[in-house]
C-alpha atoms as a PDB file:
ATOM      1  CA  UNK A   1     -30.731 120.846 125.018  1.00  0.00           C
ATOM      2  CA  UNK A   2     -33.592 117.728 124.385  1.00  0.00           C
ATOM      3  CA  UNK A   3     -34.307 116.255 126.901  1.00  0.00           C
ATOM      4  CA  UNK A   4     -36.033 112.342 126.393  1.00  0.00           C
ATOM      5  CA  UNK A   5     -38.471 110.194 128.575  1.00  0.00           C
ATOM      6  CA  UNK A   6     -36.260 106.753 128.822  1.00  0.00           C
ATOM      7  CA  UNK A   7     -35.326 103.693 130.505  1.00  0.00           C
ATOM      8  CA  UNK A   8     -31.820 103.338 132.182  1.00  0.00           C
ATOM      9  CA  UNK A   9     -31.013  99.503 132.733  1.00  0.00           C
ATOM     10  CA  UNK A  10     -29.709  98.259 135.670  1.00  0.00           C
ATOM     11  CA  UNK A  11     -29.852  94.234 137.725  1.00  0.00           C
ATOM     12  CA  UNK A  12     -27.913  92.359 136.624  1.00  0.00           C
ATOM     13  CA  UNK A  13     -26.983  90.106 133.905  1.00  0.00           C
ATOM     14  CA  UNK A  14     -30.048  88.735 133.142  1.00  0.00           C
ATOM     15  CA  UNK A  15     -32.271  90.435 135.079  1.00  0.00           C
ATOM     16  CA  UNK A  16     -33.393  93.326 133.996  1.00  0.00           C
ATOM     17  CA  UNK A  17     -34.301  96.040 136.280  1.00  0.00           C
ATOM     18  CA  UNK A  18     -34.995  99.594 134.808  1.00  0.00           C
ATOM     19  CA  UNK A  19     -35.313 103.634 135.918  1.00  0.00           C
ATOM     20  CA  UNK A  20     -37.504 105.672 134.564  1.00  0.00           C
ATOM     21  CA  UNK A  21     -35.235 108.546 133.929  1.00  0.00           C
ATOM     22  CA  UNK A  22     -35.579 112.413 132.675  1.00  0.00           C
ATOM     23  CA  UNK A  23     -32.231 113.154 130.452  1.00  0.00           C
ATOM     24  CA  UNK A  24     -29.940 114.769 127.952  1.00  0.00           C
ATOM     25  CA  UNK A  25     -30.138 112.730 124.647  1.00  0.00           C
ATOM     26  CA  UNK A  26     -27.313 112.990 124.408  1.00  0.00           C
ATOM     27  CA  UNK A  27     -26.055 111.932 127.737  1.00  0.00           C
ATOM     28  CA  UNK A  28     -25.595 107.628 127.356  1.00  0.00           C
ATOM     29  CA  UNK A  29     -28.364 104.874 128.245  1.00  0.00           C
ATOM     30  CA  UNK A  30     -27.168 104.516 132.041  1.00  0.00           C
ATOM     31  CA  UNK A  31     -25.083 107.720 132.130  1.00  0.00           C
ATOM     32  CA  UNK A  32     -26.393 111.604 133.270  1.00  0.00           C
ATOM     33  CA  UNK A  33     -30.130 112.015 134.386  1.00  0.00           C
ATOM     34  CA  UNK A  34     -31.405 114.755 135.615  1.00  0.00           C
ATOM     35  CA  UNK A  35     -34.439 113.259 137.727  1.00  0.00           C
ATOM     36  CA  UNK A  36     -35.235 109.713 138.343  1.00  0.00           C
ATOM     37  CA  UNK A  37     -39.562 109.884 138.497  1.00  0.00           C
ATOM     38  CA  UNK A  38     -39.989 106.313 137.932  1.00  0.00           C
ATOM     39  CA  UNK A  39     -39.122 102.483 137.733  1.00  0.00           C
ATOM     40  CA  UNK A  40     -40.050  99.438 135.871  1.00  0.00           C
ATOM     41  CA  UNK A  41     -39.887  95.821 136.560  1.00  0.00           C
ATOM     42  CA  UNK A  42     -40.993  93.537 134.062  1.00  0.00           C
ATOM     43  CA  UNK A  43     -39.966  90.698 135.569  1.00  0.00           C
ATOM     44  CA  UNK A  44     -42.998  90.233 137.831  1.00  0.00           C
ATOM     45  CA  UNK A  45     -45.754  89.152 137.113  1.00  0.00           C
ATOM     46  CA  UNK A  46     -47.178  91.724 136.569  1.00  0.00           C
ATOM     47  CA  UNK A  47     -45.159  93.865 135.753  1.00  0.00           C
ATOM     48  CA  UNK A  48     -43.713  96.044 138.482  1.00  0.00           C
ATOM     49  CA  UNK A  49     -44.074  99.676 136.817  1.00  0.00           C
ATOM     50  CA  UNK A  50     -43.879 102.468 139.696  1.00  0.00           C
ATOM     51  CA  UNK A  51     -43.744 106.841 138.758  1.00  0.00           C
ATOM     52  CA  UNK A  52     -44.079 109.982 139.742  1.00  0.00           C
ATOM     53  CA  UNK A  53     -46.914 111.266 138.365  1.00  0.00           C
ATOM     54  CA  UNK A  54     -46.927 115.030 139.506  1.00  0.00           C
ATOM     55  CA  UNK A  55     -43.605 115.277 137.649  1.00  0.00           C
ATOM     56  CA  UNK A  56     -44.588 113.439 134.604  1.00  0.00           C
ATOM     57  CA  UNK A  57     -46.534 115.805 133.735  1.00  0.00           C
ATOM     58  CA  UNK A  58     -44.198 118.188 134.159  1.00  0.00           C
ATOM     59  CA  UNK A  59     -41.737 117.011 132.723  1.00  0.00           C
ATOM     60  CA  UNK A  60     -44.171 116.337 129.722  1.00  0.00           C
ATOM     61  CA  UNK A  61     -45.041 119.682 129.700  1.00  0.00           C
ATOM     62  CA  UNK A  62     -41.089 121.314 129.816  1.00  0.00           C
ATOM     63  CA  UNK A  63     -40.997 119.007 126.487  1.00  0.00           C
ATOM     64  CA  UNK A  64     -39.274 116.414 127.695  1.00  0.00           C
ATOM     65  CA  UNK A  65     -40.500 113.505 124.530  1.00  0.00           C
ATOM     66  CA  UNK A  66     -40.902 109.887 125.891  1.00  0.00           C
ATOM     67  CA  UNK A  67     -39.802 106.892 124.121  1.00  0.00           C
ATOM     68  CA  UNK A  68     -41.805 104.813 122.770  1.00  0.00           C
ATOM     69  CA  UNK A  69     -40.969 102.032 125.015  1.00  0.00           C
ATOM     70  CA  UNK A  70     -41.929 104.524 128.213  1.00  0.00           C
ATOM     71  CA  UNK A  71     -45.017 106.142 126.154  1.00  0.00           C
ATOM     72  CA  UNK A  72     -46.090 102.059 126.173  1.00  0.00           C
ATOM     73  CA  UNK A  73     -45.437 102.610 129.644  1.00  0.00           C
ATOM     74  CA  UNK A  74     -47.361 105.904 129.650  1.00  0.00           C
ATOM     75  CA  UNK A  75     -50.304 104.907 127.676  1.00  0.00           C
ATOM     76  CA  UNK A  76     -50.509 101.532 130.538  1.00  0.00           C
ATOM     77  CA  UNK A  77     -50.038 103.510 133.623  1.00  0.00           C
ATOM     78  CA  UNK A  78     -53.012 105.952 132.341  1.00  0.00           C
ATOM     79  CA  UNK A  79     -50.543 108.811 133.142  1.00  0.00           C
ATOM     80  CA  UNK A  80     -51.035 110.068 129.534  1.00  0.00           C
ATOM     81  CA  UNK A  81     -53.964 110.051 127.290  1.00  0.00           C
ATOM     82  CA  UNK A  82     -54.078 107.448 124.834  1.00  0.00           C
ATOM     83  CA  UNK A  83     -54.343 109.655 121.619  1.00  0.00           C
ATOM     84  CA  UNK A  84     -52.097 112.482 122.924  1.00  0.00           C
ATOM     85  CA  UNK A  85     -48.148 112.208 121.650  1.00  0.00           C
END
């Protein structure tokens, strides 16, 4: 079961709000997930990011692979090193 750290879209039309979730790579974008580890709101200036950094570290240690978008969010929040992964 390959596990990914990715965004799940919520919010109204043209008003996106994202949850950062750990999910099986075969599940749907907004479908079943294993754990909610944060939120991302791109509409605020600057974008509001809230993370459970200890859970991110746990899942990365277990082999979860972040998507490109989540990887850039994690780098911005200094949760992972910029030269890692």
